[in-house]
């Protein structure tokens, strides 16, 4: 378990260093990536909310008809 934790911490460190190198070499690329990630995340969040609301409406309709 300690070995796995070490690998996880090492991976986070390497990822952070890599992100900083990319940010210094071409900052516009990382900004575009962040913007796309935010857009995708927002879309997923909205889809989840819509699906949850539809499921709750279906459940309420099933309970009221029973």
N, C-alpha and C. Protein backbone atom coordinates (compact mmCIF):
# COMPACT_ATOMS: atom_id res chain seq x y z
N UNK A 1 0.82 -1.19 0.00
CA UNK A 1 0.00 0.00 0.00
C UNK A 1 0.86 1.25 0.00
N UNK A 2 1.95 1.22 0.76
CA UNK A 2 2.85 2.38 0.80
C UNK A 2 3.49 2.59 -0.56
N UNK A 3 3.80 1.48 -1.23
CA UNK A 3 4.38 1.57 -2.58
C UNK A 3 3.39 2.23 -3.54
N UNK A 4 2.13 1.85 -3.45
CA UNK A 4 1.09 2.44 -4.31
C UNK A 4 0.93 3.92 -4.03
N UNK A 5 0.97 4.29 -2.76
CA UNK A 5 0.86 5.70 -2.39
C UNK A 5 2.05 6.48 -2.94
N UNK A 6 3.23 5.89 -2.87
CA UNK A 6 4.42 6.54 -3.43
C UNK A 6 4.31 6.75 -4.92
N UNK A 7 3.79 5.75 -5.62
CA UNK A 7 3.60 5.87 -7.06
C UNK A 7 2.59 6.97 -7.36
N UNK A 8 1.52 7.03 -6.59
CA UNK A 8 0.50 8.06 -6.78
C UNK A 8 1.07 9.45 -6.59
N UNK A 9 1.81 9.65 -5.50
CA UNK A 9 2.41 10.96 -5.22
C UNK A 9 3.42 11.31 -6.31
N UNK A 10 4.22 10.34 -6.73
CA UNK A 10 5.18 10.57 -7.80
C UNK A 10 4.50 10.95 -9.10
N UNK A 11 3.40 10.28 -9.41
CA UNK A 11 2.65 10.61 -10.63
C UNK A 11 2.08 12.01 -10.59
N UNK A 12 1.59 12.40 -9.43
CA UNK A 12 1.05 13.76 -9.29
C UNK A 12 2.17 14.78 -9.49
N UNK A 13 3.32 14.51 -8.90
CA UNK A 13 4.46 15.42 -9.02
C UNK A 13 4.92 15.54 -10.48
N UNK A 14 5.06 14.41 -11.15
CA UNK A 14 5.49 14.42 -12.56
C UNK A 14 4.45 15.13 -13.42
N UNK A 15 3.17 14.91 -13.15
CA UNK A 15 2.12 15.59 -13.90
C UNK A 15 2.14 17.09 -13.70
N UNK A 16 2.38 17.53 -12.46
CA UNK A 16 2.43 18.96 -12.18
C UNK A 16 3.63 19.61 -12.86
N UNK A 17 4.77 18.94 -12.82
CA UNK A 17 5.96 19.48 -13.48
C UNK A 17 5.74 19.54 -14.99
N UNK A 18 5.15 18.49 -15.54
CA UNK A 18 4.85 18.48 -16.97
C UNK A 18 3.90 19.58 -17.37
N UNK A 19 2.89 19.82 -16.56
CA UNK A 19 1.92 20.89 -16.86
C UNK A 19 2.60 22.26 -16.83
N UNK A 20 3.51 22.46 -15.89
CA UNK A 20 4.23 23.74 -15.83
C UNK A 20 5.15 23.93 -17.02
N UNK A 21 5.80 22.86 -17.46
CA UNK A 21 6.66 22.95 -18.65
C UNK A 21 5.82 23.31 -19.87
N UNK A 22 4.68 22.64 -20.03
CA UNK A 22 3.80 22.95 -21.16
C UNK A 22 3.27 24.36 -21.07
N UNK A 23 2.93 24.80 -19.84
CA UNK A 23 2.41 26.16 -19.67
C UNK A 23 3.44 27.21 -20.08
N UNK A 24 4.71 26.97 -19.77
CA UNK A 24 5.76 27.94 -20.11
C UNK A 24 6.08 27.92 -21.59
N UNK A 25 6.04 26.75 -22.22
CA UNK A 25 6.39 26.64 -23.64
C UNK A 25 5.28 27.16 -24.55
N UNK A 26 4.04 26.80 -24.25
CA UNK A 26 2.92 27.24 -25.09
C UNK A 26 1.69 27.41 -24.20
N UNK A 27 1.55 28.59 -23.59
CA UNK A 27 0.45 28.82 -22.65
C UNK A 27 -0.94 28.80 -23.29
N UNK A 28 -1.03 29.16 -24.55
CA UNK A 28 -2.35 29.19 -25.19
C UNK A 28 -2.93 27.79 -25.34
N UNK A 29 -2.08 26.80 -25.52
CA UNK A 29 -2.55 25.42 -25.65
C UNK A 29 -3.19 24.94 -24.36
N UNK A 30 -2.55 25.23 -23.25
CA UNK A 30 -3.09 24.80 -21.96
C UNK A 30 -4.38 25.56 -21.63
N UNK A 31 -4.45 26.83 -22.01
CA UNK A 31 -5.68 27.59 -21.79
C UNK A 31 -6.83 27.02 -22.61
N UNK A 32 -6.54 26.64 -23.85
CA UNK A 32 -7.57 26.03 -24.70
C UNK A 32 -8.02 24.70 -24.11
N UNK A 33 -7.07 23.93 -23.60
CA UNK A 33 -7.40 22.64 -23.00
C UNK A 33 -8.28 22.82 -21.77
N UNK A 34 -7.94 23.82 -20.95
CA UNK A 34 -8.76 24.10 -19.76
C UNK A 34 -10.17 24.53 -20.15
N UNK A 35 -10.28 25.36 -21.17
CA UNK A 35 -11.59 25.82 -21.62
C UNK A 35 -12.43 24.64 -22.14
N UNK A 36 -11.81 23.76 -22.91
CA UNK A 36 -12.54 22.59 -23.43
C UNK A 36 -12.98 21.67 -22.29
N UNK A 37 -12.08 21.50 -21.31
CA UNK A 37 -12.42 20.64 -20.18
C UNK A 37 -13.59 21.22 -19.39
N UNK A 38 -13.59 22.53 -19.18
CA UNK A 38 -14.71 23.18 -18.48
C UNK A 38 -16.01 23.03 -19.25
N UNK A 39 -15.95 23.16 -20.56
CA UNK A 39 -17.15 23.02 -21.40
C UNK A 39 -17.69 21.60 -21.33
N UNK A 40 -16.81 20.62 -21.42
CA UNK A 40 -17.23 19.22 -21.35
C UNK A 40 -17.82 18.90 -19.98
N UNK A 41 -17.16 19.40 -18.93
CA UNK A 41 -17.64 19.15 -17.57
C UNK A 41 -19.02 19.77 -17.36
N UNK A 42 -19.22 20.97 -17.88
CA UNK A 42 -20.52 21.63 -17.76
C UNK A 42 -21.60 20.83 -18.49
N UNK A 43 -21.26 20.31 -19.67
CA UNK A 43 -22.21 19.51 -20.43
C UNK A 43 -22.59 18.23 -19.69
N UNK A 44 -21.60 17.58 -19.09
CA UNK A 44 -21.86 16.36 -18.33
C UNK A 44 -22.74 16.67 -17.12
N UNK A 45 -22.46 17.78 -16.47
CA UNK A 45 -23.24 18.18 -15.29
C UNK A 45 -24.70 18.43 -15.67
N UNK A 46 -24.93 19.13 -16.76
CA UNK A 46 -26.29 19.40 -17.22
C UNK A 46 -27.01 18.12 -17.61
N UNK A 47 -26.29 17.22 -18.30
CA UNK A 47 -26.91 15.95 -18.70
C UNK A 47 -27.30 15.13 -17.47
N UNK A 48 -26.45 15.13 -16.45
CA UNK A 48 -26.78 14.41 -15.23
C UNK A 48 -28.01 15.00 -14.56
N UNK A 49 -28.06 16.34 -14.47
CA UNK A 49 -29.21 16.99 -13.84
C UNK A 49 -30.50 16.66 -14.59
N UNK A 50 -30.44 16.73 -15.92
CA UNK A 50 -31.64 16.43 -16.72
C UNK A 50 -32.07 14.98 -16.54
N UNK A 51 -31.11 14.06 -16.56
CA UNK A 51 -31.43 12.66 -16.37
C UNK A 51 -32.01 12.39 -15.00
N UNK A 52 -31.46 13.03 -13.99
CA UNK A 52 -31.95 12.85 -12.62
C UNK A 52 -33.37 13.38 -12.49
N UNK A 53 -33.63 14.55 -13.06
CA UNK A 53 -34.98 15.12 -12.99
C UNK A 53 -35.98 14.23 -13.72
N UNK A 54 -35.59 13.70 -14.87
CA UNK A 54 -36.48 12.79 -15.61
C UNK A 54 -36.76 11.52 -14.81
N UNK A 55 -35.74 10.99 -14.16
CA UNK A 55 -35.92 9.78 -13.35
C UNK A 55 -36.83 10.05 -12.17
N UNK A 56 -36.70 11.20 -11.55
CA UNK A 56 -37.54 11.54 -10.40
C UNK A 56 -38.99 11.73 -10.83
N UNK A 57 -39.19 12.36 -12.01
CA UNK A 57 -40.55 12.54 -12.52
C UNK A 57 -41.18 11.18 -12.83
N UNK A 58 -40.43 10.27 -13.42
CA UNK A 58 -40.94 8.94 -13.72
C UNK A 58 -41.29 8.19 -12.44
N UNK A 59 -40.45 8.33 -11.42
CA UNK A 59 -40.70 7.66 -10.15
C UNK A 59 -41.96 8.21 -9.49
N UNK A 60 -42.11 9.55 -9.52
CA UNK A 60 -43.31 10.16 -8.93
C UNK A 60 -44.56 9.73 -9.68
N UNK A 61 -44.48 9.65 -11.00
CA UNK A 61 -45.64 9.23 -11.79
C UNK A 61 -46.00 7.78 -11.49
N UNK A 62 -44.99 6.93 -11.32
CA UNK A 62 -45.25 5.52 -11.01
C UNK A 62 -45.86 5.37 -9.61
N UNK A 63 -45.39 6.18 -8.66
CA UNK A 63 -45.92 6.10 -7.30
C UNK A 63 -47.35 6.62 -7.23
N UNK A 64 -47.65 7.66 -7.99
CA UNK A 64 -49.00 8.23 -7.92
C UNK A 64 -50.03 7.35 -8.62
N UNK A 65 -49.59 6.60 -9.64
CA UNK A 65 -50.54 5.73 -10.35
C UNK A 65 -50.74 4.40 -9.63
N UNK A 66 -49.86 4.07 -8.71
CA UNK A 66 -49.97 2.78 -8.01
C UNK A 66 -50.93 2.83 -6.86
